[in-house]
Amino acid sequence: MSILTFTGCNNVQSDIDRAFASLDRVEDPSRGLTNSDLKSLETQIADLDNQISEHREEFSEDQIKQVGRIKGRFAAVTIKKGLNDAKETLKDWDNQIHGFFEGISGTERHPNANYDK
């Protein structure tokens, strides 16, 4: 029985360590953050939640705290990405509105258009 418990604990800690490693990659500014990265990490967190629900006895209190830290860091990354995406969207809207008003006023023409024909 103790071998099973030891194996279960190692497996649980391996899953936690993998989630931390994924978080480190996602948080690395030189890599760039993709939706695929976030989805993969979200799946790992959901798997850890399921493991806690189904096999609570295999988790130490420290491991449950580690899962909480993973969730907190994931939330921070998700919020930051959401804010950056919103910033880009607002910038695009600003450019479109500016172009719209230029179009209405007739002050700007398409830069590559040949109007001499």
N, C-alpha and C. Protein backbone atom coordinates (compact mmCIF):
# COMPACT_ATOMS: atom_id res chain seq x y z
N MET A 1 0.82 -1.20 0.00
CA MET A 1 0.00 0.00 0.00
C MET A 1 0.86 1.25 0.00
N SER A 2 1.98 1.21 0.71
CA SER A 2 2.82 2.41 0.75
C SER A 2 3.47 2.66 -0.61
N ILE A 3 3.74 1.62 -1.39
CA ILE A 3 4.30 1.82 -2.73
C ILE A 3 3.27 2.53 -3.61
N LEU A 4 2.00 2.13 -3.50
CA LEU A 4 0.95 2.80 -4.27
C LEU A 4 0.82 4.26 -3.87
N THR A 5 0.87 4.53 -2.59
CA THR A 5 0.77 5.91 -2.12
C THR A 5 1.96 6.71 -2.61
N PHE A 6 3.16 6.15 -2.52
CA PHE A 6 4.36 6.83 -2.98
C PHE A 6 4.28 7.11 -4.48
N THR A 7 3.85 6.11 -5.24
CA THR A 7 3.71 6.28 -6.68
C THR A 7 2.67 7.34 -6.99
N GLY A 8 1.55 7.33 -6.28
CA GLY A 8 0.51 8.32 -6.48
C GLY A 8 1.02 9.71 -6.18
N CYS A 9 1.76 9.89 -5.10
CA CYS A 9 2.30 11.19 -4.73
C CYS A 9 3.29 11.69 -5.78
N ASN A 10 4.14 10.77 -6.27
CA ASN A 10 5.10 11.16 -7.30
C ASN A 10 4.39 11.59 -8.58
N ASN A 11 3.34 10.84 -8.94
CA ASN A 11 2.58 11.16 -10.13
C ASN A 11 1.91 12.52 -9.98
N VAL A 12 1.32 12.77 -8.82
CA VAL A 12 0.67 14.05 -8.54
C VAL A 12 1.69 15.17 -8.62
N GLN A 13 2.84 15.00 -7.99
CA GLN A 13 3.87 16.04 -8.00
C GLN A 13 4.40 16.26 -9.41
N SER A 14 4.50 15.19 -10.19
CA SER A 14 4.95 15.34 -11.59
C SER A 14 3.97 16.19 -12.38
N ASP A 15 2.67 15.97 -12.17
CA ASP A 15 1.65 16.76 -12.86
C ASP A 15 1.73 18.23 -12.43
N ILE A 16 1.95 18.47 -11.14
CA ILE A 16 2.08 19.83 -10.63
C ILE A 16 3.33 20.49 -11.23
N ASP A 17 4.44 19.75 -11.25
CA ASP A 17 5.68 20.28 -11.82
C ASP A 17 5.53 20.61 -13.29
N ARG A 18 4.82 19.76 -14.02
CA ARG A 18 4.58 20.03 -15.45
C ARG A 18 3.75 21.30 -15.63
N ALA A 19 2.76 21.50 -14.77
CA ALA A 19 1.93 22.71 -14.86
C ALA A 19 2.77 23.95 -14.57
N PHE A 20 3.66 23.87 -13.56
CA PHE A 20 4.55 25.00 -13.27
C PHE A 20 5.47 25.28 -14.46
N ALA A 21 5.99 24.23 -15.08
CA ALA A 21 6.88 24.41 -16.25
C ALA A 21 6.10 25.07 -17.41
N SER A 22 4.87 24.65 -17.61
CA SER A 22 4.04 25.26 -18.66
C SER A 22 3.80 26.73 -18.35
N LEU A 23 3.55 27.05 -17.09
CA LEU A 23 3.35 28.44 -16.69
C LEU A 23 4.60 29.26 -16.97
N ASP A 24 5.76 28.71 -16.64
CA ASP A 24 7.01 29.43 -16.89
C ASP A 24 7.17 29.74 -18.38
N ARG A 25 6.82 28.77 -19.24
CA ARG A 25 6.91 29.01 -20.69
C ARG A 25 5.91 30.08 -21.12
N VAL A 26 4.69 30.02 -20.60
CA VAL A 26 3.65 30.98 -20.97
C VAL A 26 4.02 32.38 -20.52
N GLU A 27 4.67 32.50 -19.37
CA GLU A 27 5.03 33.80 -18.83
C GLU A 27 6.30 34.38 -19.44
N ASP A 28 7.02 33.58 -20.21
CA ASP A 28 8.27 34.04 -20.83
C ASP A 28 7.96 35.04 -21.94
N PRO A 29 8.33 36.31 -21.75
CA PRO A 29 7.98 37.33 -22.74
C PRO A 29 8.65 37.13 -24.10
N SER A 30 9.76 36.41 -24.15
CA SER A 30 10.46 36.21 -25.42
C SER A 30 9.73 35.20 -26.32
N ARG A 31 8.87 34.39 -25.75
CA ARG A 31 8.15 33.37 -26.52
C ARG A 31 6.91 33.90 -27.20
N GLY A 32 6.24 34.83 -26.58
CA GLY A 32 4.94 35.25 -27.09
C GLY A 32 3.89 34.29 -26.57
N LEU A 33 2.74 34.80 -26.28
CA LEU A 33 1.67 34.02 -25.68
C LEU A 33 0.61 33.70 -26.72
N THR A 34 0.31 32.42 -26.87
CA THR A 34 -0.70 32.01 -27.84
C THR A 34 -1.93 31.48 -27.12
N ASN A 35 -3.04 31.49 -27.81
CA ASN A 35 -4.27 30.90 -27.26
C ASN A 35 -4.09 29.41 -27.03
N SER A 36 -3.30 28.77 -27.86
CA SER A 36 -3.03 27.34 -27.72
C SER A 36 -2.29 27.07 -26.40
N ASP A 37 -1.31 27.93 -26.07
CA ASP A 37 -0.60 27.79 -24.80
C ASP A 37 -1.57 27.88 -23.63
N LEU A 38 -2.45 28.87 -23.69
CA LEU A 38 -3.41 29.07 -22.60
C LEU A 38 -4.37 27.89 -22.50
N LYS A 39 -4.83 27.39 -23.62
CA LYS A 39 -5.77 26.26 -23.62
C LYS A 39 -5.10 25.01 -23.03
N SER A 40 -3.85 24.78 -23.40
CA SER A 40 -3.12 23.62 -22.88
C SER A 40 -2.97 23.72 -21.36
N LEU A 41 -2.61 24.89 -20.89
CA LEU A 41 -2.44 25.10 -19.46
C LEU A 41 -3.78 24.99 -18.73
N GLU A 42 -4.82 25.50 -19.34
CA GLU A 42 -6.15 25.40 -18.76
C GLU A 42 -6.56 23.93 -18.60
N THR A 43 -6.22 23.11 -19.57
CA THR A 43 -6.51 21.68 -19.51
C THR A 43 -5.73 21.02 -18.38
N GLN A 44 -4.45 21.39 -18.23
CA GLN A 44 -3.64 20.83 -17.15
C GLN A 44 -4.24 21.19 -15.79
N ILE A 45 -4.70 22.42 -15.64
CA ILE A 45 -5.29 22.85 -14.37
C ILE A 45 -6.59 22.10 -14.11
N ALA A 46 -7.40 21.92 -15.13
CA ALA A 46 -8.65 21.17 -14.98
C ALA A 46 -8.36 19.72 -14.58
N ASP A 47 -7.31 19.14 -15.17
CA ASP A 47 -6.91 17.78 -14.80
C ASP A 47 -6.49 17.70 -13.34
N LEU A 48 -5.73 18.70 -12.88
CA LEU A 48 -5.32 18.72 -11.47
C LEU A 48 -6.55 18.85 -10.57
N ASP A 49 -7.49 19.70 -10.94
CA ASP A 49 -8.73 19.84 -10.16
C ASP A 49 -9.48 18.52 -10.07
N ASN A 50 -9.56 17.82 -11.20
CA ASN A 50 -10.23 16.52 -11.21
C ASN A 50 -9.51 15.52 -10.31
N GLN A 51 -8.17 15.53 -10.37
CA GLN A 51 -7.41 14.63 -9.52
C GLN A 51 -7.66 14.92 -8.04
N ILE A 52 -7.71 16.21 -7.69
CA ILE A 52 -7.97 16.58 -6.29
C ILE A 52 -9.36 16.10 -5.89
N SER A 53 -10.34 16.30 -6.75
CA SER A 53 -11.71 15.89 -6.44
C SER A 53 -11.83 14.38 -6.26
N GLU A 54 -11.16 13.65 -7.12
CA GLU A 54 -11.31 12.19 -7.12
C GLU A 54 -10.34 11.48 -6.18
N HIS A 55 -9.18 12.08 -5.92
CA HIS A 55 -8.14 11.40 -5.14
C HIS A 55 -7.51 12.34 -4.11
N ARG A 56 -8.34 13.00 -3.35
CA ARG A 56 -7.87 13.99 -2.38
C ARG A 56 -6.78 13.42 -1.47
N GLU A 57 -6.90 12.17 -1.13
CA GLU A 57 -5.96 11.54 -0.20
C GLU A 57 -4.54 11.46 -0.75
N GLU A 58 -4.39 11.58 -2.04
CA GLU A 58 -3.06 11.52 -2.65
C GLU A 58 -2.33 12.87 -2.63
N PHE A 59 -3.04 13.93 -2.26
CA PHE A 59 -2.47 15.28 -2.26
C PHE A 59 -2.13 15.72 -0.84
N SER A 60 -0.93 16.24 -0.68
CA SER A 60 -0.58 16.85 0.60
C SER A 60 -1.15 18.27 0.62
N GLU A 61 -1.17 18.87 1.80
CA GLU A 61 -1.64 20.26 1.89
C GLU A 61 -0.77 21.18 1.04
N ASP A 62 0.53 20.93 1.04
CA ASP A 62 1.44 21.76 0.24
C ASP A 62 1.13 21.62 -1.25
N GLN A 63 0.82 20.42 -1.70
CA GLN A 63 0.50 20.23 -3.12
C GLN A 63 -0.79 20.95 -3.50
N ILE A 64 -1.74 20.96 -2.59
CA ILE A 64 -2.99 21.69 -2.86
C ILE A 64 -2.70 23.19 -2.93
N LYS A 65 -1.81 23.67 -2.07
CA LYS A 65 -1.41 25.09 -2.14
C LYS A 65 -0.70 25.38 -3.46
N GLN A 66 0.14 24.44 -3.90
CA GLN A 66 0.84 24.63 -5.17
C GLN A 66 -0.16 24.74 -6.33
N VAL A 67 -1.20 23.93 -6.30
CA VAL A 67 -2.24 24.00 -7.33
C VAL A 67 -2.91 25.38 -7.26
N GLY A 68 -3.15 25.88 -6.07
CA GLY A 68 -3.72 27.22 -5.91
C GLY A 68 -2.81 28.29 -6.49
N ARG A 69 -1.49 28.15 -6.29
CA ARG A 69 -0.54 29.12 -6.87
C ARG A 69 -0.58 29.06 -8.39
N ILE A 70 -0.67 27.85 -8.92
CA ILE A 70 -0.77 27.70 -10.37
C ILE A 70 -2.00 28.42 -10.89
N LYS A 71 -3.12 28.24 -10.21
CA LYS A 71 -4.37 28.90 -10.62
C LYS A 71 -4.24 30.42 -10.54
N GLY A 72 -3.60 30.91 -9.49
CA GLY A 72 -3.41 32.36 -9.34
C GLY A 72 -2.54 32.94 -10.44
N ARG A 73 -1.44 32.26 -10.73
CA ARG A 73 -0.55 32.75 -11.80
C ARG A 73 -1.25 32.67 -13.16
N PHE A 74 -2.03 31.60 -13.37
CA PHE A 74 -2.77 31.45 -14.62
C PHE A 74 -3.78 32.59 -14.77
N ALA A 75 -4.47 32.92 -13.68
CA ALA A 75 -5.43 34.02 -13.73
C ALA A 75 -4.74 35.33 -14.09
N ALA A 76 -3.57 35.57 -13.52
CA ALA A 76 -2.83 36.79 -13.82
C ALA A 76 -2.42 36.84 -15.29
N VAL A 77 -1.95 35.74 -15.83
CA VAL A 77 -1.55 35.67 -17.24
C VAL A 77 -2.76 35.90 -18.14
N THR A 78 -3.87 35.28 -17.80
CA THR A 78 -5.09 35.41 -18.60
C THR A 78 -5.60 36.85 -18.60
N ILE A 79 -5.59 37.48 -17.43
CA ILE A 79 -6.03 38.87 -17.34
C ILE A 79 -5.12 39.78 -18.15
N LYS A 80 -3.82 39.57 -18.01
CA LYS A 80 -2.86 40.40 -18.75
C LYS A 80 -3.06 40.25 -20.26
N LYS A 81 -3.25 39.01 -20.72
CA LYS A 81 -3.48 38.79 -22.16
C LYS A 81 -4.77 39.46 -22.59
N GLY A 82 -5.81 39.35 -21.78
CA GLY A 82 -7.08 39.98 -22.11
C GLY A 82 -6.96 41.49 -22.23
N LEU A 83 -6.22 42.09 -21.31
CA LEU A 83 -6.02 43.54 -21.36
C LEU A 83 -5.22 43.95 -22.59
N ASN A 84 -4.18 43.18 -22.91
CA ASN A 84 -3.39 43.49 -24.11
C ASN A 84 -4.21 43.34 -25.38
N ASP A 85 -5.04 42.29 -25.43
CA ASP A 85 -5.91 42.10 -26.60
C ASP A 85 -6.91 43.25 -26.72
N ALA A 86 -7.48 43.67 -25.59
CA ALA A 86 -8.44 44.78 -25.60
C ALA A 86 -7.76 46.07 -26.06
N LYS A 87 -6.53 46.27 -25.62
CA LYS A 87 -5.78 47.47 -26.02
C LYS A 87 -5.59 47.50 -27.53
N GLU A 88 -5.23 46.37 -28.12
CA GLU A 88 -5.05 46.29 -29.57
C GLU A 88 -6.37 46.51 -30.31
N THR A 89 -7.45 45.96 -29.76
CA THR A 89 -8.76 46.14 -30.38
C THR A 89 -9.16 47.61 -30.37
N LEU A 90 -8.95 48.27 -29.24
CA LEU A 90 -9.28 49.70 -29.14
C LEU A 90 -8.45 50.52 -30.11
N LYS A 91 -7.19 50.16 -30.26
CA LYS A 91 -6.31 50.86 -31.20
C LYS A 91 -6.83 50.69 -32.63
N ASP A 92 -7.26 49.48 -32.96
CA ASP A 92 -7.82 49.23 -34.30
C ASP A 92 -9.10 50.04 -34.51
N TRP A 93 -9.96 50.07 -33.51
CA TRP A 93 -11.20 50.86 -33.62
C TRP A 93 -10.89 52.33 -33.81
N ASP A 94 -9.91 52.83 -33.06
CA ASP A 94 -9.52 54.23 -33.19
C ASP A 94 -9.08 54.53 -34.62
N ASN A 95 -8.26 53.64 -35.17
CA ASN A 95 -7.79 53.84 -36.55
C ASN A 95 -8.95 53.78 -37.54
N GLN A 96 -9.89 52.87 -37.32
CA GLN A 96 -11.04 52.76 -38.23
C GLN A 96 -11.92 54.00 -38.14
N ILE A 97 -12.16 54.48 -36.94
CA ILE A 97 -12.98 55.69 -36.76
C ILE A 97 -12.31 56.88 -37.43
N HIS A 98 -11.00 57.00 -37.22
CA HIS A 98 -10.25 58.09 -37.85
C HIS A 98 -10.39 58.01 -39.37
N GLY A 99 -10.22 56.83 -39.94
CA GLY A 99 -10.37 56.63 -41.38
C GLY A 99 -11.78 56.89 -41.84
N PHE A 100 -12.77 56.51 -41.04
CA PHE A 100 -14.17 56.74 -41.38
C PHE A 100 -14.44 58.24 -41.56
N PHE A 101 -13.98 59.04 -40.59
CA PHE A 101 -14.20 60.48 -40.67
C PHE A 101 -13.42 61.12 -41.81
N GLU A 102 -12.24 60.59 -42.11
CA GLU A 102 -11.51 61.08 -43.28
C GLU A 102 -12.29 60.76 -44.55
N GLY A 103 -12.89 59.56 -44.57
CA GLY A 103 -13.68 59.17 -45.74
C GLY A 103 -14.91 60.05 -45.93
N ILE A 104 -15.57 60.38 -44.84
CA ILE A 104 -16.76 61.25 -44.92
C ILE A 104 -16.38 62.64 -45.41
N SER A 105 -15.28 63.15 -44.89
CA SER A 105 -14.89 64.52 -45.26
C SER A 105 -14.27 64.60 -46.65
N GLY A 106 -13.87 63.44 -47.18
CA GLY A 106 -13.28 63.42 -48.51
C GLY A 106 -11.87 63.95 -48.55
N THR A 107 -11.23 64.09 -47.41
CA THR A 107 -9.88 64.66 -47.37
C THR A 107 -8.79 63.65 -47.71
N GLU A 108 -9.09 62.41 -47.64
CA GLU A 108 -8.06 61.39 -47.90
C GLU A 108 -8.52 60.48 -49.03
N ARG A 109 -7.59 60.14 -49.86
CA ARG A 109 -7.83 59.18 -50.93
C ARG A 109 -6.93 57.97 -50.68
N HIS A 110 -7.24 56.88 -51.30
CA HIS A 110 -6.41 55.69 -51.17
C HIS A 110 -5.03 56.01 -51.73
N PRO A 111 -3.96 55.72 -50.99
CA PRO A 111 -2.62 56.14 -51.41
C PRO A 111 -2.14 55.48 -52.71
N ASN A 112 -2.66 54.33 -53.07
CA ASN A 112 -2.20 53.63 -54.27
C ASN A 112 -3.15 53.82 -55.46
N ALA A 113 -4.22 54.55 -55.26
CA ALA A 113 -5.21 54.73 -56.34
C ALA A 113 -4.70 55.72 -57.38
N ASN A 114 -5.01 55.45 -58.64
CA ASN A 114 -4.65 56.36 -59.72
C ASN A 114 -5.94 57.03 -60.18
N TYR A 115 -6.11 58.29 -59.84
CA TYR A 115 -7.34 59.01 -60.14
C TYR A 115 -7.28 59.77 -61.47
N ASP A 116 -6.17 59.64 -62.19
CA ASP A 116 -6.00 60.38 -63.44
C ASP A 116 -6.65 59.67 -64.62
N LYS A 117 -7.11 58.48 -64.49
CA LYS A 117 -7.67 57.69 -65.61
C LYS A 117 -8.98 58.22 -66.05
